[in-house]
């Protein structure tokens, strides 16, 4: 599924960048992917993906 249509960033790419720690904000995702946000429609979805990743990490650390 495409998250950022303007830059052809799909959910797999975004998740990989977030999981690697290379990106902690939507702007950082775009920088890490070598592009810039254009229309901005992807920003809420990227922010949600980042939040989900943080929540999953918090649960994993609490389980340890």
PDB file of N, CA and C in Angstrom:
ATOM      1  N   UNK A   1       0.841  -1.170   0.000  1.00  0.00           N
ATOM      2  CA  UNK A   1       0.000   0.000   0.000  1.00  0.00           C
ATOM      3  C   UNK A   1       0.896   1.246   0.000  1.00  0.00           C
ATOM      4  N   UNK A   2       0.553   2.193  -0.838  1.00  0.00           N
ATOM      5  CA  UNK A   2       1.307   3.444  -0.861  1.00  0.00           C
ATOM      6  C   UNK A   2       0.879   4.330   0.295  1.00  0.00           C
ATOM      7  N   UNK A   3       1.862   4.853   0.998  1.00  0.00           N
ATOM      8  CA  UNK A   3       1.614   5.800   2.077  1.00  0.00           C
ATOM      9  C   UNK A   3       1.745   7.208   1.518  1.00  0.00           C
ATOM     10  N   UNK A   4       2.780   7.427   0.724  1.00  0.00           N
ATOM     11  CA  UNK A   4       3.034   8.730   0.095  1.00  0.00           C
ATOM     12  C   UNK A   4       2.996   8.521  -1.412  1.00  0.00           C
ATOM     13  N   UNK A   5       1.891   8.903  -2.004  1.00  0.00           N
ATOM     14  CA  UNK A   5       1.735   8.716  -3.441  1.00  0.00           C
ATOM     15  C   UNK A   5       2.670   9.641  -4.216  1.00  0.00           C
ATOM     16  N   UNK A   6       2.839  10.870  -3.735  1.00  0.00           N
ATOM     17  CA  UNK A   6       3.680  11.849  -4.438  1.00  0.00           C
ATOM     18  C   UNK A   6       5.109  11.344  -4.632  1.00  0.00           C
ATOM     19  N   UNK A   7       5.616  10.608  -3.631  1.00  0.00           N
ATOM     20  CA  UNK A   7       6.996  10.122  -3.681  1.00  0.00           C
ATOM     21  C   UNK A   7       7.094   8.609  -3.820  1.00  0.00           C
ATOM     22  N   UNK A   8       5.968   7.964  -4.056  1.00  0.00           N
ATOM     23  CA  UNK A   8       5.912   6.509  -4.242  1.00  0.00           C
ATOM     24  C   UNK A   8       6.538   5.754  -3.066  1.00  0.00           C
ATOM     25  N   UNK A   9       6.253   6.206  -1.838  1.00  0.00           N
ATOM     26  CA  UNK A   9       6.727   5.498  -0.643  1.00  0.00           C
ATOM     27  C   UNK A   9       5.626   4.561  -0.177  1.00  0.00           C
ATOM     28  N   UNK A  10       5.964   3.289  -0.073  1.00  0.00           N
ATOM     29  CA  UNK A  10       4.960   2.337   0.386  1.00  0.00           C
ATOM     30  C   UNK A  10       5.126   2.050   1.875  1.00  0.00           C
ATOM     31  N   UNK A  11       4.174   1.329   2.435  1.00  0.00           N
ATOM     32  CA  UNK A  11       4.184   1.054   3.873  1.00  0.00           C
ATOM     33  C   UNK A  11       5.397   0.238   4.286  1.00  0.00           C
ATOM     34  N   UNK A  12       5.863  -0.632   3.419  1.00  0.00           N
ATOM     35  CA  UNK A  12       7.034  -1.452   3.745  1.00  0.00           C
ATOM     36  C   UNK A  12       8.273  -0.564   3.928  1.00  0.00           C
ATOM     37  N   UNK A  13       8.470   0.355   3.016  1.00  0.00           N
ATOM     38  CA  UNK A  13       9.614   1.266   3.101  1.00  0.00           C
ATOM     39  C   UNK A  13       9.529   2.119   4.357  1.00  0.00           C
ATOM     40  N   UNK A  14       8.360   2.668   4.611  1.00  0.00           N
ATOM     41  CA  UNK A  14       8.173   3.518   5.791  1.00  0.00           C
ATOM     42  C   UNK A  14       8.429   2.715   7.058  1.00  0.00           C
ATOM     43  N   UNK A  15       7.867   1.516   7.145  1.00  0.00           N
ATOM     44  CA  UNK A  15       8.072   0.682   8.333  1.00  0.00           C
ATOM     45  C   UNK A  15       9.540   0.322   8.521  1.00  0.00           C
ATOM     46  N   UNK A  16      10.249   0.036   7.437  1.00  0.00           N
ATOM     47  CA  UNK A  16      11.674  -0.288   7.539  1.00  0.00           C
ATOM     48  C   UNK A  16      12.472   0.906   8.060  1.00  0.00           C
ATOM     49  N   UNK A  17      12.169   2.101   7.566  1.00  0.00           N
ATOM     50  CA  UNK A  17      12.881   3.297   8.023  1.00  0.00           C
ATOM     51  C   UNK A  17      12.603   3.583   9.489  1.00  0.00           C
ATOM     52  N   UNK A  18      11.360   3.405   9.897  1.00  0.00           N
ATOM     53  CA  UNK A  18      10.992   3.644  11.295  1.00  0.00           C
ATOM     54  C   UNK A  18      11.635   2.587  12.190  1.00  0.00           C
ATOM     55  N   UNK A  19      11.567   1.332  11.791  1.00  0.00           N
ATOM     56  CA  UNK A  19      12.121   0.248  12.604  1.00  0.00           C
ATOM     57  C   UNK A  19      13.635   0.346  12.733  1.00  0.00           C
ATOM     58  N   UNK A  20      14.294   0.859  11.706  1.00  0.00           N
ATOM     59  CA  UNK A  20      15.754   0.967  11.753  1.00  0.00           C
ATOM     60  C   UNK A  20      16.219   2.119  12.639  1.00  0.00           C
ATOM     61  N   UNK A  21      15.290   2.977  13.015  1.00  0.00           N
ATOM     62  CA  UNK A  21      15.642   4.136  13.824  1.00  0.00           C
ATOM     63  C   UNK A  21      16.110   5.311  12.985  1.00  0.00           C
ATOM     64  N   UNK A  22      16.097   5.153  11.675  1.00  0.00           N
ATOM     65  CA  UNK A  22      16.533   6.217  10.778  1.00  0.00           C
ATOM     66  C   UNK A  22      15.531   7.358  10.700  1.00  0.00           C
ATOM     67  N   UNK A  23      14.297   7.109  11.129  1.00  0.00           N
ATOM     68  CA  UNK A  23      13.262   8.126  11.006  1.00  0.00           C
ATOM     69  C   UNK A  23      12.320   8.095  12.203  1.00  0.00           C
ATOM     70  N   UNK A  24      12.187   9.224  12.852  1.00  0.00           N
ATOM     71  CA  UNK A  24      11.292   9.320  14.011  1.00  0.00           C
ATOM     72  C   UNK A  24      10.193  10.357  13.804  1.00  0.00           C
ATOM     73  N   UNK A  25      10.192  11.003  12.649  1.00  0.00           N
ATOM     74  CA  UNK A  25       9.153  11.960  12.280  1.00  0.00           C
ATOM     75  C   UNK A  25       8.843  11.773  10.797  1.00  0.00           C
ATOM     76  N   UNK A  26       7.674  12.242  10.356  1.00  0.00           N
ATOM     77  CA  UNK A  26       7.395  12.153   8.919  1.00  0.00           C
ATOM     78  C   UNK A  26       8.446  12.863   8.067  1.00  0.00           C
ATOM     79  N   UNK A  27       8.934  14.005   8.518  1.00  0.00           N
ATOM     80  CA  UNK A  27       9.978  14.713   7.760  1.00  0.00           C
ATOM     81  C   UNK A  27      11.246  13.873   7.672  1.00  0.00           C
ATOM     82  N   UNK A  28      11.574  13.190   8.759  1.00  0.00           N
ATOM     83  CA  UNK A  28      12.763  12.339   8.764  1.00  0.00           C
ATOM     84  C   UNK A  28      12.592  11.139   7.839  1.00  0.00           C
ATOM     85  N   UNK A  29      11.381  10.646   7.725  1.00  0.00           N
ATOM     86  CA  UNK A  29      11.107   9.542   6.788  1.00  0.00           C
ATOM     87  C   UNK A  29      11.402  10.010   5.373  1.00  0.00           C
ATOM     88  N   UNK A  30      10.889  11.177   5.027  1.00  0.00           N
ATOM     89  CA  UNK A  30      11.141  11.699   3.688  1.00  0.00           C
ATOM     90  C   UNK A  30      12.629  11.926   3.445  1.00  0.00           C
ATOM     91  N   UNK A  31      13.330  12.509   4.413  1.00  0.00           N
ATOM     92  CA  UNK A  31      14.772  12.736   4.250  1.00  0.00           C
ATOM     93  C   UNK A  31      15.514  11.415   4.052  1.00  0.00           C
ATOM     94  N   UNK A  32      15.180  10.429   4.892  1.00  0.00           N
ATOM     95  CA  UNK A  32      15.854   9.132   4.802  1.00  0.00           C
ATOM     96  C   UNK A  32      15.571   8.441   3.468  1.00  0.00           C
ATOM     97  N   UNK A  33      14.412   8.723   2.899  1.00  0.00           N
ATOM     98  CA  UNK A  33      14.054   8.130   1.607  1.00  0.00           C
ATOM     99  C   UNK A  33      14.571   8.962   0.443  1.00  0.00           C
ATOM    100  N   UNK A  34      15.190  10.105   0.757  1.00  0.00           N
ATOM    101  CA  UNK A  34      15.761  10.937  -0.295  1.00  0.00           C
ATOM    102  C   UNK A  34      14.746  11.776  -1.045  1.00  0.00           C
ATOM    103  N   UNK A  35      13.686  12.167  -0.363  1.00  0.00           N
ATOM    104  CA  UNK A  35      12.664  12.978  -1.022  1.00  0.00           C
ATOM    105  C   UNK A  35      12.125  14.019  -0.038  1.00  0.00           C
ATOM    106  N   UNK A  36      11.168  14.810  -0.495  1.00  0.00           N
ATOM    107  CA  UNK A  36      10.552  15.838   0.340  1.00  0.00           C
ATOM    108  C   UNK A  36       9.042  15.673   0.304  1.00  0.00           C
ATOM    109  N   UNK A  37       8.356  16.012   1.416  1.00  0.00           N
ATOM    110  CA  UNK A  37       6.891  15.963   1.374  1.00  0.00           C
ATOM    111  C   UNK A  37       6.368  16.980   0.360  1.00  0.00           C
ATOM    112  N   UNK A  38       5.292  16.611  -0.300  1.00  0.00           N
ATOM    113  CA  UNK A  38       4.745  17.513  -1.313  1.00  0.00           C
ATOM    114  C   UNK A  38       3.328  17.952  -0.934  1.00  0.00           C
ATOM    115  N   UNK A  39       2.362  17.097  -1.050  1.00  0.00           N
ATOM    116  CA  UNK A  39       0.983  17.523  -0.771  1.00  0.00           C
ATOM    117  C   UNK A  39       0.642  17.455   0.711  1.00  0.00           C
ATOM    118  N   UNK A  40       1.329  16.603   1.473  1.00  0.00           N
ATOM    119  CA  UNK A  40       1.112  16.503   2.914  1.00  0.00           C
ATOM    120  C   UNK A  40       0.055  15.511   3.350  1.00  0.00           C
ATOM    121  N   UNK A  41      -0.614  14.877   2.432  1.00  0.00           N
ATOM    122  CA  UNK A  41      -1.665  13.920   2.806  1.00  0.00           C
ATOM    123  C   UNK A  41      -1.128  12.687   3.526  1.00  0.00           C
ATOM    124  N   UNK A  42       0.146  12.393   3.336  1.00  0.00           N
ATOM    125  CA  UNK A  42       0.744  11.211   3.947  1.00  0.00           C
ATOM    126  C   UNK A  42       1.187  11.452   5.392  1.00  0.00           C
ATOM    127  N   UNK A  43       1.333  12.704   5.795  1.00  0.00           N
ATOM    128  CA  UNK A  43       1.904  13.013   7.100  1.00  0.00           C
ATOM    129  C   UNK A  43       1.135  12.400   8.266  1.00  0.00           C
ATOM    130  N   UNK A  44      -0.203  12.472   8.300  1.00  0.00           N
ATOM    131  CA  UNK A  44      -0.918  11.819   9.417  1.00  0.00           C
ATOM    132  C   UNK A  44      -0.719  10.301   9.445  1.00  0.00           C
ATOM    133  N   UNK A  45      -0.700   9.665   8.273  1.00  0.00           N
ATOM    134  CA  UNK A  45      -0.494   8.214   8.226  1.00  0.00           C
ATOM    135  C   UNK A  45       0.901   7.843   8.707  1.00  0.00           C
ATOM    136  N   UNK A  46       1.899   8.629   8.302  1.00  0.00           N
ATOM    137  CA  UNK A  46       3.263   8.357   8.757  1.00  0.00           C
ATOM    138  C   UNK A  46       3.385   8.566  10.263  1.00  0.00           C
ATOM    139  N   UNK A  47       2.762   9.609  10.767  1.00  0.00           N
ATOM    140  CA  UNK A  47       2.795   9.863  12.211  1.00  0.00           C
ATOM    141  C   UNK A  47       2.142   8.720  12.971  1.00  0.00           C
ATOM    142  N   UNK A  48       1.061   8.181  12.427  1.00  0.00           N
ATOM    143  CA  UNK A  48       0.391   7.039  13.064  1.00  0.00           C
ATOM    144  C   UNK A  48       1.281   5.799  13.040  1.00  0.00           C
ATOM    145  N   UNK A  49       1.971   5.567  11.947  1.00  0.00           N
ATOM    146  CA  UNK A  49       2.871   4.414  11.848  1.00  0.00           C
ATOM    147  C   UNK A  49       4.015   4.539  12.849  1.00  0.00           C
ATOM    148  N   UNK A  50       4.530   5.744  13.027  1.00  0.00           N
ATOM    149  CA  UNK A  50       5.599   5.979  14.006  1.00  0.00           C
ATOM    150  C   UNK A  50       5.075   5.708  15.410  1.00  0.00           C
ATOM    151  N   UNK A  51       3.881   6.204  15.716  1.00  0.00           N
ATOM    152  CA  UNK A  51       3.286   5.999  17.043  1.00  0.00           C
ATOM    153  C   UNK A  51       3.051   4.516  17.310  1.00  0.00           C
ATOM    154  N   UNK A  52       2.577   3.787  16.321  1.00  0.00           N
ATOM    155  CA  UNK A  52       2.355   2.345  16.482  1.00  0.00           C
ATOM    156  C   UNK A  52       3.668   1.625  16.759  1.00  0.00           C
ATOM    157  N   UNK A  53       4.712   2.034  16.074  1.00  0.00           N
ATOM    158  CA  UNK A  53       6.028   1.425  16.291  1.00  0.00           C
ATOM    159  C   UNK A  53       6.512   1.699  17.714  1.00  0.00           C
ATOM    160  N   UNK A  54       6.352   2.936  18.177  1.00  0.00           N
ATOM    161  CA  UNK A  54       6.760   3.288  19.546  1.00  0.00           C
ATOM    162  C   UNK A  54       5.969   2.488  20.570  1.00  0.00           C
ATOM    163  N   UNK A  55       4.672   2.331  20.340  1.00  0.00           N
ATOM    164  CA  UNK A  55       3.836   1.574  21.264  1.00  0.00           C
ATOM    165  C   UNK A  55       4.266   0.110  21.301  1.00  0.00           C
ATOM    166  N   UNK A  56       4.520  -0.467  20.133  1.00  0.00           N
ATOM    167  CA  UNK A  56       4.955  -1.859  20.072  1.00  0.00           C
ATOM    168  C   UNK A  56       6.289  -2.037  20.795  1.00  0.00           C
ATOM    169  N   UNK A  57       7.204  -1.091  20.626  1.00  0.00           N
ATOM    170  CA  UNK A  57       8.491  -1.168  21.311  1.00  0.00           C
ATOM    171  C   UNK A  57       8.327  -1.046  22.817  1.00  0.00           C
ATOM    172  N   UNK A  58       7.425  -0.170  23.252  1.00  0.00           N
ATOM    173  CA  UNK A  58       7.195   0.008  24.689  1.00  0.00           C
ATOM    174  C   UNK A  58       6.657  -1.280  25.303  1.00  0.00           C
ATOM    175  N   UNK A  59       5.734  -1.954  24.609  1.00  0.00           N
ATOM    176  CA  UNK A  59       5.194  -3.216  25.112  1.00  0.00           C
ATOM    177  C   UNK A  59       6.270  -4.293  25.147  1.00  0.00           C
ATOM    178  N   UNK A  60       7.120  -4.316  24.116  1.00  0.00           N
ATOM    179  CA  UNK A  60       8.188  -5.314  24.064  1.00  0.00           C
ATOM    180  C   UNK A  60       9.187  -5.097  25.191  1.00  0.00           C
ATOM    181  N   UNK A  61       9.514  -3.841  25.489  1.00  0.00           N
ATOM    182  CA  UNK A  61      10.448  -3.560  26.574  1.00  0.00           C
ATOM    183  C   UNK A  61       9.827  -3.855  27.928  1.00  0.00           C
ATOM    184  N   UNK A  62       8.538  -3.634  28.070  1.00  0.00           N
ATOM    185  CA  UNK A  62       7.860  -3.912  29.332  1.00  0.00           C
ATOM    186  C   UNK A  62       7.780  -5.415  29.569  1.00  0.00           C
ATOM    187  N   UNK A  63       7.729  -6.194  28.507  1.00  0.00           N
ATOM    188  CA  UNK A  63       7.643  -7.641  28.638  1.00  0.00           C
ATOM    189  C   UNK A  63       8.978  -8.258  29.049  1.00  0.00           C
ATOM    190  N   UNK A  64      10.076  -7.539  28.795  1.00  0.00           N
ATOM    191  CA  UNK A  64      11.405  -8.070  29.132  1.00  0.00           C
ATOM    192  C   UNK A  64      11.660  -8.061  30.588  1.00  0.00           C
TER     193      UNK A  64
END
